[in-house]
Every structure is written in C-alpha cells, then in structure tokens.
Amino acid sequence: MIPVSYSTLRANMASHFDRIVADRTELVVVRGKKEPIVIMPLAELEGLRETLHLLGTEANAAHLRESLAALESGNVVHFELPEE
C-alpha cells in the first residue's frame, strides 16, 4: 500500500488514480489525526468481497480446499461444453 497525505492526493489526484488502476494496488490516504482511508480499484474491492463470501462459511472453505487439492493431484474430469 502506498501512503500519501490528503493534501498531496488533492494536488495530484489524477496521477495517483491512474497509478492505482495501472498497478492494481491501494493508496492509503493519511488524514492527520483522523483515521486513514484506502482508495483502490473497484474490481479489486469486488474480488475481495467475493473471496470473503466464498470463504465465509467453513463448509464453503472446506469445499474449495478439497477442490483445489483434487485439481493439484490431477483428480479432475475434462469435458467440453457444447457451443451455442
């Protein structure tokens, strides 16, 4: 995460936003004695939310771990979907 002051962000907002999107990273905005905030690409936030949802229950997390283990061991079935 890249830290930057609020005043520096205001002075260079477009370039900071362009870098955040290009690098797929976060920008931490330090605001004096107030709590810092984070700016990030929307797609990254959506990905984090999706991951939290998928891992949100132990049953989902266990199913994903089992699926990954099967994939890594080669225990998969290949098939092709019919074209529409």
Foldseek 3Di string as FASTA:
>chain_A
DAEDEPVVCVVPVVVVVVCQVVVQHKYWYDYPPDDIDIDHDPVVVVVVVVVCVQVVDVVSVVVVVVVVVCVVVVVDDDDDDDDD
